[in-house]
Amino acid sequence: MGHFSSMFSGLARSFSIKKVKNNNGTSDAREAADEMVKDAKKQEMILKSCGYLYAEGSNNSASVFSKRGQKGVNQDCAIVWEGFGCQEDMIFCGIFDGHGPWGHYVAKHVRNSMPSSLLCNWQKTLAQTTLLDPELDLEGSKKQLSRFDIWKRSYLKTCASVDQELEHHRKIDSYNSGSTAITIVRQGDVIYVSNVGDSRAVLATTSDEGSLVAVQLTLDFKPNLPQEKERIIGCNGRVFCMKDEPGVHRVWQPDTEAPGLAMSRAFGDYCIKEYGLVSVPEVTQRHISAKDHFIILASDGVKYL
């Protein structure tokens, strides 16, 4: 325990390694994470609707805006959590873009489930990593590699468990509905980005010439990307454009023209999961410098305006 970095102290106080090791460890850790969510809500550290968040004593600020388009129900939702995991230098942000008849319910479920699940898996991964390597120094020369590996593993476990929750959810029909998820965790001067789908993260930074420029931090996971198309076709799925939508590649079942998803990764959409659609996130990291100003997380409805 002596090798735990001080940046993990808040969570380390809330969870114990004994709980992670015993048979009830997963449920105990998740309950503790859920309690953190409740406490953060009481302290107005979580923002889920349109508005502005600037916690007292924090250097971070965030705003959320969403507006219904012309297709009917607004299926986008968002979350900002200041002091994520009881850490003063951490913030969690996410955008979730639903699609299909139940898309708005799927998006809200992913938004509500992901933060506490990520906290739980982060603490478990951290504890397991430390137990396997007691000499691991998270403050040493390899600390960034260690931190990134821990966050990446945590995100992979989280996305898999959230997707499994949806599949067995009794009140949400996600067979023909789903959601994307673009989330970031800022921890000190590093941001960790997780992307499932075709929403996007963009960084506003200053160029060498002194002008404000946009840097795309994520890849839009579209079905026509070579690695995505190869996986889909390898699972007997199909990728093609409809005649009235040239350039819009979609994922289709082998024998029917359904469901026609315009992204290659998403939560839910179990009608196409066995044909190459996955909920596996791409996880990346970036160091923040004095040149960087802010990050925009946006669904495809915003970025194509």
C-alpha atoms as a PDB file:
ATOM      1  CA  MET A   1       0.000   0.000   0.000  1.00  0.00           C
ATOM      2  CA  GLY A   2       2.953   2.293   0.537  1.00  0.00           C
ATOM      3  CA  HIS A   3       3.503   2.550  -3.201  1.00  0.00           C
ATOM      4  CA  PHE A   4       0.073   4.056  -3.944  1.00  0.00           C
ATOM      5  CA  SER A   5       0.471   7.501  -5.438  1.00  0.00           C
ATOM      6  CA  SER A   6      -1.139  10.335  -3.529  1.00  0.00           C
ATOM      7  CA  MET A   7      -3.334  11.023  -6.559  1.00  0.00           C
ATOM      8  CA  PHE A   8      -5.191   7.783  -5.796  1.00  0.00           C
ATOM      9  CA  SER A   9      -5.653   8.486  -2.087  1.00  0.00           C
ATOM     10  CA  GLY A  10      -9.300   9.545  -2.342  1.00  0.00           C
ATOM     11  CA  LEU A  11     -10.376   6.286  -3.899  1.00  0.00           C
ATOM     12  CA  ALA A  12      -8.006   4.249  -1.796  1.00  0.00           C
ATOM     13  CA  ARG A  13      -9.808   5.512   1.296  1.00  0.00           C
ATOM     14  CA  SER A  14     -13.194   4.556  -0.135  1.00  0.00           C
ATOM     15  CA  PHE A  15     -12.284   1.068  -1.342  1.00  0.00           C
ATOM     16  CA  SER A  16     -10.121  -1.528   0.343  1.00  0.00           C
ATOM     17  CA  ILE A  17      -8.042  -4.166  -1.381  1.00  0.00           C
ATOM     18  CA  LYS A  18      -9.726  -6.758   0.833  1.00  0.00           C
ATOM     19  CA  LYS A  19     -13.039  -5.976  -0.818  1.00  0.00           C
ATOM     20  CA  VAL A  20     -11.487  -6.354  -4.242  1.00  0.00           C
ATOM     21  CA  LYS A  21     -10.049  -9.733  -3.288  1.00  0.00           C
ATOM     22  CA  ASN A  22     -13.075 -11.313  -1.634  1.00  0.00           C
ATOM     23  CA  ASN A  23     -16.086 -12.783  -3.385  1.00  0.00           C
ATOM     24  CA  ASN A  24     -18.191  -9.677  -2.883  1.00  0.00           C
ATOM     25  CA  GLY A  25     -15.456  -7.314  -4.025  1.00  0.00           C
ATOM     26  CA  THR A  26     -17.109  -6.252  -7.270  1.00  0.00           C
ATOM     27  CA  SER A  27     -20.467  -5.394  -5.728  1.00  0.00           C
ATOM     28  CA  ASP A  28     -18.855  -3.683  -2.716  1.00  0.00           C
ATOM     29  CA  ALA A  29     -16.622  -1.555  -4.921  1.00  0.00           C
ATOM     30  CA  ARG A  30     -19.522  -0.625  -7.219  1.00  0.00           C
ATOM     31  CA  GLU A  31     -21.659   0.345  -4.227  1.00  0.00           C
ATOM     32  CA  ALA A  32     -18.860   2.579  -2.962  1.00  0.00           C
ATOM     33  CA  ALA A  33     -18.564   4.185  -6.402  1.00  0.00           C
ATOM     34  CA  ASP A  34     -22.332   4.744  -6.526  1.00  0.00           C
ATOM     35  CA  GLU A  35     -22.135   6.451  -3.130  1.00  0.00           C
ATOM     36  CA  MET A  36     -19.499   8.788  -4.555  1.00  0.00           C
ATOM     37  CA  VAL A  37     -21.914   9.697  -7.335  1.00  0.00           C
ATOM     38  CA  LYS A  38     -24.667  10.502  -4.825  1.00  0.00           C
ATOM     39  CA  ASP A  39     -22.313  12.596  -2.721  1.00  0.00           C
ATOM     40  CA  ALA A  40     -21.037  14.489  -5.774  1.00  0.00           C
ATOM     41  CA  LYS A  41     -24.621  15.277  -6.797  1.00  0.00           C
ATOM     42  CA  LYS A  42     -25.387  16.660  -3.338  1.00  0.00           C
ATOM     43  CA  GLN A  43     -22.343  18.908  -3.567  1.00  0.00           C
ATOM     44  CA  GLU A  44     -23.390  20.038  -7.068  1.00  0.00           C
ATOM     45  CA  MET A  45     -20.219  18.619  -8.589  1.00  0.00           C
ATOM     46  CA  ILE A  46     -22.110  16.808 -11.371  1.00  0.00           C
ATOM     47  CA  LEU A  47     -23.808  18.483 -14.325  1.00  0.00           C
ATOM     48  CA  LYS A  48     -26.131  16.482 -16.595  1.00  0.00           C
ATOM     49  CA  SER A  49     -28.283  19.169 -18.199  1.00  0.00           C
ATOM     50  CA  CYS A  50     -27.597  22.362 -20.113  1.00  0.00           C
ATOM     51  CA  GLY A  51     -25.666  24.702 -17.893  1.00  0.00           C
ATOM     52  CA  TYR A  52     -22.295  25.760 -16.532  1.00  0.00           C
ATOM     53  CA  LEU A  53     -20.151  24.100 -13.866  1.00  0.00           C
ATOM     54  CA  TYR A  54     -17.424  25.882 -11.956  1.00  0.00           C
ATOM     55  CA  ALA A  55     -16.705  24.277  -8.603  1.00  0.00           C
ATOM     56  CA  GLU A  56     -15.447  26.448  -5.768  1.00  0.00           C
ATOM     57  CA  GLY A  57     -11.667  26.276  -5.465  1.00  0.00           C
ATOM     58  CA  SER A  58     -11.247  24.539  -8.824  1.00  0.00           C
ATOM     59  CA  ASN A  59      -9.314  25.712 -11.871  1.00  0.00           C
ATOM     60  CA  ASN A  60     -11.623  23.736 -14.165  1.00  0.00           C
ATOM     61  CA  SER A  61     -14.811  24.995 -15.774  1.00  0.00           C
ATOM     62  CA  ALA A  62     -17.249  23.237 -18.082  1.00  0.00           C
ATOM     63  CA  SER A  63     -20.522  23.858 -19.861  1.00  0.00           C
ATOM     64  CA  VAL A  64     -23.130  21.590 -21.462  1.00  0.00           C
ATOM     65  CA  PHE A  65     -25.515  22.456 -24.285  1.00  0.00           C
ATOM     66  CA  SER A  66     -27.934  20.235 -26.170  1.00  0.00           C
ATOM     67  CA  LYS A  67     -30.790  21.053 -28.531  1.00  0.00           C
ATOM     68  CA  ARG A  68     -33.363  18.871 -30.236  1.00  0.00           C
ATOM     69  CA  GLY A  69     -32.913  18.594 -33.987  1.00  0.00           C
ATOM     70  CA  GLN A  70     -35.457  17.922 -36.721  1.00  0.00           C
ATOM     71  CA  LYS A  71     -35.661  14.146 -36.256  1.00  0.00           C
ATOM     72  CA  GLY A  72     -37.848  14.159 -33.148  1.00  0.00           C
ATOM     73  CA  VAL A  73     -36.691  13.217 -29.648  1.00  0.00           C
ATOM     74  CA  ASN A  74     -33.324  14.597 -28.575  1.00  0.00           C
ATOM     75  CA  GLN A  75     -31.275  11.445 -28.033  1.00  0.00           C
ATOM     76  CA  ASP A  76     -28.068  13.174 -26.924  1.00  0.00           C
ATOM     77  CA  CYS A  77     -27.079  13.471 -23.276  1.00  0.00           C
ATOM     78  CA  ALA A  78     -23.989  14.527 -21.353  1.00  0.00           C
ATOM     79  CA  ILE A  79     -22.250  14.536 -17.995  1.00  0.00           C
ATOM     80  CA  VAL A  80     -19.540  16.574 -16.285  1.00  0.00           C
ATOM     81  CA  TRP A  81     -18.172  15.437 -12.911  1.00  0.00           C
ATOM     82  CA  GLU A  82     -15.800  17.808 -11.148  1.00  0.00           C
ATOM     83  CA  GLY A  83     -13.543  16.156  -8.553  1.00  0.00           C
ATOM     84  CA  PHE A  84     -14.036  12.755 -10.179  1.00  0.00           C
ATOM     85  CA  GLY A  85     -13.348   9.934  -7.726  1.00  0.00           C
ATOM     86  CA  CYS A  86     -12.768  12.360  -4.829  1.00  0.00           C
ATOM     87  CA  GLN A  87      -9.655  13.640  -6.604  1.00  0.00           C
ATOM     88  CA  GLU A  88      -9.225  17.410  -6.659  1.00  0.00           C
ATOM     89  CA  ASP A  89      -7.182  17.329  -9.873  1.00  0.00           C
ATOM     90  CA  MET A  90      -9.595  15.109 -11.823  1.00  0.00           C
ATOM     91  CA  ILE A  91     -12.652  15.776 -13.966  1.00  0.00           C
ATOM     92  CA  PHE A  92     -14.798  13.393 -16.027  1.00  0.00           C
ATOM     93  CA  CYS A  93     -16.752  14.540 -19.094  1.00  0.00           C
ATOM     94  CA  GLY A  94     -18.837  12.585 -21.566  1.00  0.00           C
ATOM     95  CA  ILE A  95     -21.198  12.898 -24.532  1.00  0.00           C
ATOM     96  CA  PHE A  96     -23.579  10.068 -25.446  1.00  0.00           C
ATOM     97  CA  ASP A  97     -25.467  10.052 -28.748  1.00  0.00           C
ATOM     98  CA  GLY A  98     -28.381   7.618 -28.919  1.00  0.00           C
ATOM     99  CA  HIS A  99     -29.997   6.189 -32.044  1.00  0.00           C
ATOM    100  CA  GLY A 100     -32.945   3.944 -32.784  1.00  0.00           C
ATOM    101  CA  PRO A 101     -36.406   3.840 -31.146  1.00  0.00           C
ATOM    102  CA  TRP A 102     -34.958   3.462 -27.633  1.00  0.00           C
ATOM    103  CA  GLY A 103     -31.780   5.424 -28.286  1.00  0.00           C
ATOM    104  CA  HIS A 104     -32.464   8.163 -25.726  1.00  0.00           C
ATOM    105  CA  TYR A 105     -32.923   5.547 -22.999  1.00  0.00           C
ATOM    106  CA  VAL A 106     -29.760   3.703 -24.035  1.00  0.00           C
ATOM    107  CA  ALA A 107     -27.731   6.929 -24.040  1.00  0.00           C
ATOM    108  CA  LYS A 108     -28.966   7.892 -20.569  1.00  0.00           C
ATOM    109  CA  HIS A 109     -28.223   4.432 -19.203  1.00  0.00           C
ATOM    110  CA  VAL A 110     -24.658   4.522 -20.540  1.00  0.00           C
ATOM    111  CA  ARG A 111     -24.187   8.033 -19.140  1.00  0.00           C
ATOM    112  CA  ASN A 112     -25.488   7.050 -15.712  1.00  0.00           C
ATOM    113  CA  SER A 113     -23.628   3.740 -15.524  1.00  0.00           C
ATOM    114  CA  MET A 114     -20.220   4.542 -16.992  1.00  0.00           C
ATOM    115  CA  PRO A 115     -18.758   6.933 -14.351  1.00  0.00           C
ATOM    116  CA  SER A 116     -19.308   4.674 -11.331  1.00  0.00           C
ATOM    117  CA  SER A 117     -18.329   1.571 -13.304  1.00  0.00           C
ATOM    118  CA  LEU A 118     -15.134   3.284 -14.458  1.00  0.00           C
ATOM    119  CA  LEU A 119     -14.269   4.303 -10.896  1.00  0.00           C
ATOM    120  CA  CYS A 120     -14.820   0.748  -9.718  1.00  0.00           C
ATOM    121  CA  ASN A 121     -12.686  -0.792 -12.463  1.00  0.00           C
ATOM    122  CA  TRP A 122      -9.988   1.866 -12.083  1.00  0.00           C
ATOM    123  CA  GLN A 123      -9.579   1.115  -8.390  1.00  0.00           C
ATOM    124  CA  LYS A 124      -9.633  -2.649  -8.938  1.00  0.00           C
ATOM    125  CA  THR A 125      -7.065  -2.416 -11.743  1.00  0.00           C
ATOM    126  CA  LEU A 126      -4.862  -0.156  -9.642  1.00  0.00           C
ATOM    127  CA  ALA A 127      -5.060  -2.512  -6.667  1.00  0.00           C
ATOM    128  CA  GLN A 128      -4.358  -5.597  -8.774  1.00  0.00           C
ATOM    129  CA  THR A 129      -1.427  -3.904 -10.521  1.00  0.00           C
ATOM    130  CA  THR A 130       0.102  -2.913  -7.192  1.00  0.00           C
ATOM    131  CA  LEU A 131      -0.390  -6.379  -5.709  1.00  0.00           C
ATOM    132  CA  LEU A 132       1.239  -8.046  -8.727  1.00  0.00           C
ATOM    133  CA  ASP A 133       4.164  -5.612  -8.653  1.00  0.00           C
ATOM    134  CA  PRO A 134       4.715  -4.246  -5.109  1.00  0.00           C
ATOM    135  CA  GLU A 135       7.765  -2.312  -6.324  1.00  0.00           C
ATOM    136  CA  LEU A 136       5.781  -0.417  -8.956  1.00  0.00           C
ATOM    137  CA  ASP A 137       6.532   3.292  -8.602  1.00  0.00           C
ATOM    138  CA  LEU A 138       3.697   5.320 -10.111  1.00  0.00           C
ATOM    139  CA  GLU A 139       5.683   8.497  -9.495  1.00  0.00           C
ATOM    140  CA  GLY A 140       8.827   7.255 -11.234  1.00  0.00           C
ATOM    141  CA  SER A 141      10.070   7.634 -14.788  1.00  0.00           C
ATOM    142  CA  LYS A 142       7.482   5.176 -16.124  1.00  0.00           C
ATOM    143  CA  LYS A 143       4.524   6.718 -14.297  1.00  0.00           C
ATOM    144  CA  GLN A 144       2.793   7.933 -17.468  1.00  0.00           C
ATOM    145  CA  LEU A 145       2.968   4.474 -19.028  1.00  0.00           C
ATOM    146  CA  SER A 146       1.646   2.923 -15.831  1.00  0.00           C
ATOM    147  CA  ARG A 147      -1.177   5.426 -15.486  1.00  0.00           C
ATOM    148  CA  PHE A 148      -2.187   5.022 -19.121  1.00  0.00           C
ATOM    149  CA  ASP A 149      -2.196   1.224 -18.901  1.00  0.00           C
ATOM    150  CA  ILE A 150      -4.382   1.381 -15.796  1.00  0.00           C
ATOM    151  CA  TRP A 151      -6.869   3.758 -17.412  1.00  0.00           C
ATOM    152  CA  LYS A 152      -6.952   1.788 -20.663  1.00  0.00           C
ATOM    153  CA  ARG A 153      -7.646  -1.503 -18.898  1.00  0.00           C
ATOM    154  CA  SER A 154     -10.265   0.199 -16.755  1.00  0.00           C
ATOM    155  CA  TYR A 155     -12.050   1.628 -19.786  1.00  0.00           C
ATOM    156  CA  LEU A 156     -11.985  -1.714 -21.610  1.00  0.00           C
ATOM    157  CA  LYS A 157     -13.554  -3.470 -18.622  1.00  0.00           C
ATOM    158  CA  THR A 158     -16.072  -0.672 -18.127  1.00  0.00           C
ATOM    159  CA  CYS A 159     -17.331  -0.610 -21.706  1.00  0.00           C
ATOM    160  CA  ALA A 160     -17.674  -4.394 -21.747  1.00  0.00           C
ATOM    161  CA  SER A 161     -19.659  -4.431 -18.494  1.00  0.00           C
ATOM    162  CA  VAL A 162     -21.908  -1.501 -19.473  1.00  0.00           C
ATOM    163  CA  ASP A 163     -22.716  -3.186 -22.784  1.00  0.00           C
ATOM    164  CA  GLN A 164     -23.502  -6.424 -20.972  1.00  0.00           C
ATOM    165  CA  GLU A 165     -25.771  -4.553 -18.550  1.00  0.00           C
ATOM    166  CA  LEU A 166     -27.729  -3.167 -21.484  1.00  0.00           C
ATOM    167  CA  GLU A 167     -28.153  -6.578 -23.072  1.00  0.00           C
ATOM    168  CA  HIS A 168     -29.844  -7.904 -19.927  1.00  0.00           C
ATOM    169  CA  HIS A 169     -31.712  -4.737 -18.962  1.00  0.00           C
ATOM    170  CA  ARG A 170     -35.375  -5.548 -18.387  1.00  0.00           C
ATOM    171  CA  LYS A 171     -36.747  -2.081 -19.133  1.00  0.00           C
ATOM    172  CA  ILE A 172     -34.620  -0.960 -22.101  1.00  0.00           C
ATOM    173  CA  ASP A 173     -34.940  -2.598 -25.510  1.00  0.00           C
ATOM    174  CA  SER A 174     -31.525  -2.113 -27.070  1.00  0.00           C
ATOM    175  CA  TYR A 175     -31.836  -4.797 -29.749  1.00  0.00           C
ATOM    176  CA  ASN A 176     -32.388  -2.188 -32.465  1.00  0.00           C
ATOM    177  CA  SER A 177     -31.172   0.837 -30.499  1.00  0.00           C
ATOM    178  CA  GLY A 178     -27.817   1.996 -29.211  1.00  0.00           C
ATOM    179  CA  SER A 179     -25.531   4.863 -28.286  1.00  0.00           C
ATOM    180  CA  THR A 180     -22.058   6.204 -28.891  1.00  0.00           C
ATOM    181  CA  ALA A 181     -19.853   7.412 -26.025  1.00  0.00           C
ATOM    182  CA  ILE A 182     -16.991   9.889 -26.107  1.00  0.00           C
ATOM    183  CA  THR A 183     -15.528  10.524 -22.642  1.00  0.00           C
ATOM    184  CA  ILE A 184     -12.419  12.070 -21.150  1.00  0.00           C
ATOM    185  CA  VAL A 185     -10.752  11.984 -17.764  1.00  0.00           C
ATOM    186  CA  ARG A 186      -8.415  14.836 -16.985  1.00  0.00           C
ATOM    187  CA  GLN A 187      -5.903  13.947 -14.292  1.00  0.00           C
ATOM    188  CA  GLY A 188      -3.468  16.737 -13.602  1.00  0.00           C
ATOM    189  CA  ASP A 189      -1.781  17.671 -16.869  1.00  0.00           C
ATOM    190  CA  VAL A 190      -2.863  14.527 -18.737  1.00  0.00           C
ATOM    191  CA  ILE A 191      -6.175  13.719 -20.404  1.00  0.00           C
ATOM    192  CA  TYR A 192      -7.328  10.181 -21.166  1.00  0.00           C
ATOM    193  CA  VAL A 193      -9.812   9.885 -24.024  1.00  0.00           C
ATOM    194  CA  SER A 194     -12.136   6.933 -24.636  1.00  0.00           C
ATOM    195  CA  ASN A 195     -14.122   6.735 -27.867  1.00  0.00           C
ATOM    196  CA  VAL A 196     -16.895   4.330 -28.874  1.00  0.00           C
ATOM    197  CA  GLY A 197     -18.624   5.444 -32.079  1.00  0.00           C
ATOM    198  CA  ASP A 198     -18.541   8.539 -34.256  1.00  0.00           C
ATOM    199  CA  SER A 199     -18.762  11.380 -31.753  1.00  0.00           C
ATOM    200  CA  ARG A 200     -15.647  13.520 -31.564  1.00  0.00           C
ATOM    201  CA  ALA A 201     -13.200  15.231 -29.191  1.00  0.00           C
ATOM    202  CA  VAL A 202     -11.453  18.378 -30.448  1.00  0.00           C
ATOM    203  CA  LEU A 203      -8.735  20.332 -28.657  1.00  0.00           C
ATOM    204  CA  ALA A 204      -8.340  24.083 -29.101  1.00  0.00           C
ATOM    205  CA  THR A 205      -4.667  24.962 -28.905  1.00  0.00           C
ATOM    206  CA  THR A 206      -2.274  27.703 -29.984  1.00  0.00           C
ATOM    207  CA  SER A 207      -0.127  27.153 -33.056  1.00  0.00           C
ATOM    208  CA  ASP A 208       3.523  28.149 -33.306  1.00  0.00           C
ATOM    209  CA  GLU A 209       2.334  31.250 -35.176  1.00  0.00           C
ATOM    210  CA  GLY A 210       0.115  32.236 -32.254  1.00  0.00           C
ATOM    211  CA  SER A 211      -3.290  31.498 -33.807  1.00  0.00           C
ATOM    212  CA  LEU A 212      -6.014  29.314 -32.313  1.00  0.00           C
ATOM    213  CA  VAL A 213      -6.235  25.953 -34.113  1.00  0.00           C
ATOM    214  CA  ALA A 214      -8.350  22.821 -33.719  1.00  0.00           C
ATOM    215  CA  VAL A 215      -6.744  19.412 -33.171  1.00  0.00           C
ATOM    216  CA  GLN A 216      -8.954  16.343 -33.538  1.00  0.00           C
ATOM    217  CA  LEU A 217      -8.200  13.922 -30.702  1.00  0.00           C
ATOM    218  CA  THR A 218     -10.368  11.001 -31.807  1.00  0.00           C
ATOM    219  CA  LEU A 219     -11.119   8.924 -34.866  1.00  0.00           C
ATOM    220  CA  ASP A 220     -14.682   8.764 -36.196  1.00  0.00           C
ATOM    221  CA  PHE A 221     -15.410   5.044 -36.258  1.00  0.00           C
ATOM    222  CA  LYS A 222     -17.225   4.684 -39.558  1.00  0.00           C
ATOM    223  CA  PRO A 223     -17.906   1.322 -41.251  1.00  0.00           C
ATOM    224  CA  ASN A 224     -15.773   2.163 -44.301  1.00  0.00           C
ATOM    225  CA  LEU A 225     -12.542   2.549 -42.310  1.00  0.00           C
ATOM    226  CA  PRO A 226     -10.282  -0.296 -43.517  1.00  0.00           C
ATOM    227  CA  GLN A 227      -9.824  -1.984 -40.121  1.00  0.00           C
ATOM    228  CA  GLU A 228     -13.514  -1.597 -39.258  1.00  0.00           C
ATOM    229  CA  LYS A 229     -14.759  -2.858 -42.614  1.00  0.00           C
ATOM    230  CA  GLU A 230     -12.414  -5.847 -42.448  1.00  0.00           C
ATOM    231  CA  ARG A 231     -13.784  -6.841 -39.039  1.00  0.00           C
ATOM    232  CA  ILE A 232     -17.419  -6.430 -40.116  1.00  0.00           C
ATOM    233  CA  ILE A 233     -17.012  -8.423 -43.333  1.00  0.00           C
ATOM    234  CA  GLY A 234     -15.071 -11.066 -41.402  1.00  0.00           C
ATOM    235  CA  CYS A 235     -18.153 -11.475 -39.181  1.00  0.00           C
ATOM    236  CA  ASN A 236     -20.434 -11.829 -42.240  1.00  0.00           C
ATOM    237  CA  GLY A 237     -21.769  -8.295 -41.944  1.00  0.00           C
ATOM    238  CA  ARG A 238     -22.033  -5.988 -44.943  1.00  0.00           C
ATOM    239  CA  VAL A 239     -20.922  -2.400 -45.566  1.00  0.00           C
ATOM    240  CA  PHE A 240     -22.399  -0.302 -48.355  1.00  0.00           C
ATOM    241  CA  CYS A 241     -24.129   2.996 -49.144  1.00  0.00           C
ATOM    242  CA  MET A 242     -27.761   3.350 -50.134  1.00  0.00           C
ATOM    243  CA  LYS A 243     -28.451   4.838 -53.553  1.00  0.00           C
ATOM    244  CA  ASP A 244     -30.023   7.960 -52.074  1.00  0.00           C
ATOM    245  CA  GLU A 245     -27.128   8.403 -49.581  1.00  0.00           C
ATOM    246  CA  PRO A 246     -23.895   8.256 -51.594  1.00  0.00           C
ATOM    247  CA  GLY A 247     -20.874   8.455 -49.329  1.00  0.00           C
ATOM    248  CA  VAL A 248     -22.770   7.377 -46.192  1.00  0.00           C
ATOM    249  CA  HIS A 249     -21.483   3.894 -45.408  1.00  0.00           C
ATOM    250  CA  ARG A 250     -23.639   1.741 -43.144  1.00  0.00           C
ATOM    251  CA  VAL A 251     -23.478  -1.667 -41.458  1.00  0.00           C
ATOM    252  CA  TRP A 252     -26.033  -4.260 -42.565  1.00  0.00           C
ATOM    253  CA  GLN A 253     -26.994  -7.784 -41.609  1.00  0.00           C
ATOM    254  CA  PRO A 254     -26.007 -10.540 -44.081  1.00  0.00           C
ATOM    255  CA  ASP A 255     -29.433 -11.214 -45.592  1.00  0.00           C
ATOM    256  CA  THR A 256     -31.566  -8.135 -44.881  1.00  0.00           C
ATOM    257  CA  GLU A 257     -31.226  -4.408 -45.398  1.00  0.00           C
ATOM    258  CA  ALA A 258     -31.201  -3.711 -41.672  1.00  0.00           C
ATOM    259  CA  PRO A 259     -30.266  -2.006 -39.419  1.00  0.00           C
ATOM    260  CA  GLY A 260     -28.084   0.328 -41.518  1.00  0.00           C
ATOM    261  CA  LEU A 261     -25.902   1.770 -38.761  1.00  0.00           C
ATOM    262  CA  ALA A 262     -23.691   4.683 -39.786  1.00  0.00           C
ATOM    263  CA  MET A 263     -21.035   3.825 -37.185  1.00  0.00           C
ATOM    264  CA  SER A 264     -18.972   0.701 -36.573  1.00  0.00           C
ATOM    265  CA  ARG A 265     -18.816   0.870 -32.754  1.00  0.00           C
ATOM    266  CA  ALA A 266     -21.656   1.441 -30.307  1.00  0.00           C
ATOM    267  CA  PHE A 267     -23.300   0.274 -27.116  1.00  0.00           C
ATOM    268  CA  GLY A 268     -26.437  -1.806 -27.651  1.00  0.00           C
ATOM    269  CA  ASP A 269     -27.588  -2.644 -31.211  1.00  0.00           C
ATOM    270  CA  TYR A 270     -27.530  -6.371 -30.478  1.00  0.00           C
ATOM    271  CA  CYS A 271     -29.196  -7.133 -33.801  1.00  0.00           C
ATOM    272  CA  ILE A 272     -25.826  -6.450 -35.437  1.00  0.00           C
ATOM    273  CA  LYS A 273     -23.308  -7.288 -32.692  1.00  0.00           C
ATOM    274  CA  GLU A 274     -22.567 -10.754 -34.037  1.00  0.00           C
ATOM    275  CA  TYR A 275     -21.881  -9.221 -37.456  1.00  0.00           C
ATOM    276  CA  GLY A 276     -18.969  -6.988 -36.491  1.00  0.00           C
ATOM    277  CA  LEU A 277     -20.337  -4.100 -34.425  1.00  0.00           C
ATOM    278  CA  VAL A 278     -18.324  -3.755 -31.190  1.00  0.00           C
ATOM    279  CA  SER A 279     -18.371  -1.588 -28.070  1.00  0.00           C
ATOM    280  CA  VAL A 280     -14.589  -1.729 -27.612  1.00  0.00           C
ATOM    281  CA  PRO A 281     -13.224   1.777 -26.990  1.00  0.00           C
ATOM    282  CA  GLU A 282     -10.151   3.365 -28.474  1.00  0.00           C
ATOM    283  CA  VAL A 283      -8.264   4.830 -25.499  1.00  0.00           C
ATOM    284  CA  THR A 284      -5.591   7.490 -25.964  1.00  0.00           C
ATOM    285  CA  GLN A 285      -3.783  10.052 -23.840  1.00  0.00           C
ATOM    286  CA  ARG A 286      -2.473  13.567 -24.365  1.00  0.00           C
ATOM    287  CA  HIS A 287      -0.394  15.869 -22.202  1.00  0.00           C
ATOM    288  CA  ILE A 288      -1.854  19.317 -21.636  1.00  0.00           C
ATOM    289  CA  SER A 289       0.456  22.303 -22.057  1.00  0.00           C
ATOM    290  CA  ALA A 290       0.145  26.048 -21.576  1.00  0.00           C
ATOM    291  CA  LYS A 291      -0.761  26.324 -25.271  1.00  0.00           C
ATOM    292  CA  ASP A 292      -3.948  24.290 -24.826  1.00  0.00           C
ATOM    293  CA  HIS A 293      -7.170  26.177 -24.052  1.00  0.00           C
ATOM    294  CA  PHE A 294     -10.220  23.899 -24.013  1.00  0.00           C
ATOM    295  CA  ILE A 295     -11.710  20.665 -25.357  1.00  0.00           C
ATOM    296  CA  ILE A 296     -15.023  20.240 -27.156  1.00  0.00           C
ATOM    297  CA  LEU A 297     -16.890  16.924 -27.030  1.00  0.00           C
ATOM    298  CA  ALA A 298     -19.596  16.776 -29.689  1.00  0.00           C
ATOM    299  CA  SER A 299     -21.981  14.322 -31.294  1.00  0.00           C
ATOM    300  CA  ASP A 300     -22.082  13.992 -35.075  1.00  0.00           C
ATOM    301  CA  GLY A 301     -25.128  16.261 -35.187  1.00  0.00           C
ATOM    302  CA  VAL A 302     -22.906  19.144 -34.085  1.00  0.00           C
ATOM    303  CA  LYS A 303     -19.713  18.444 -35.976  1.00  0.00           C
ATOM    304  CA  TYR A 304     -21.447  18.254 -39.373  1.00  0.00           C
ATOM    305  CA  LEU A 305     -23.160  21.640 -39.041  1.00  0.00           C
END
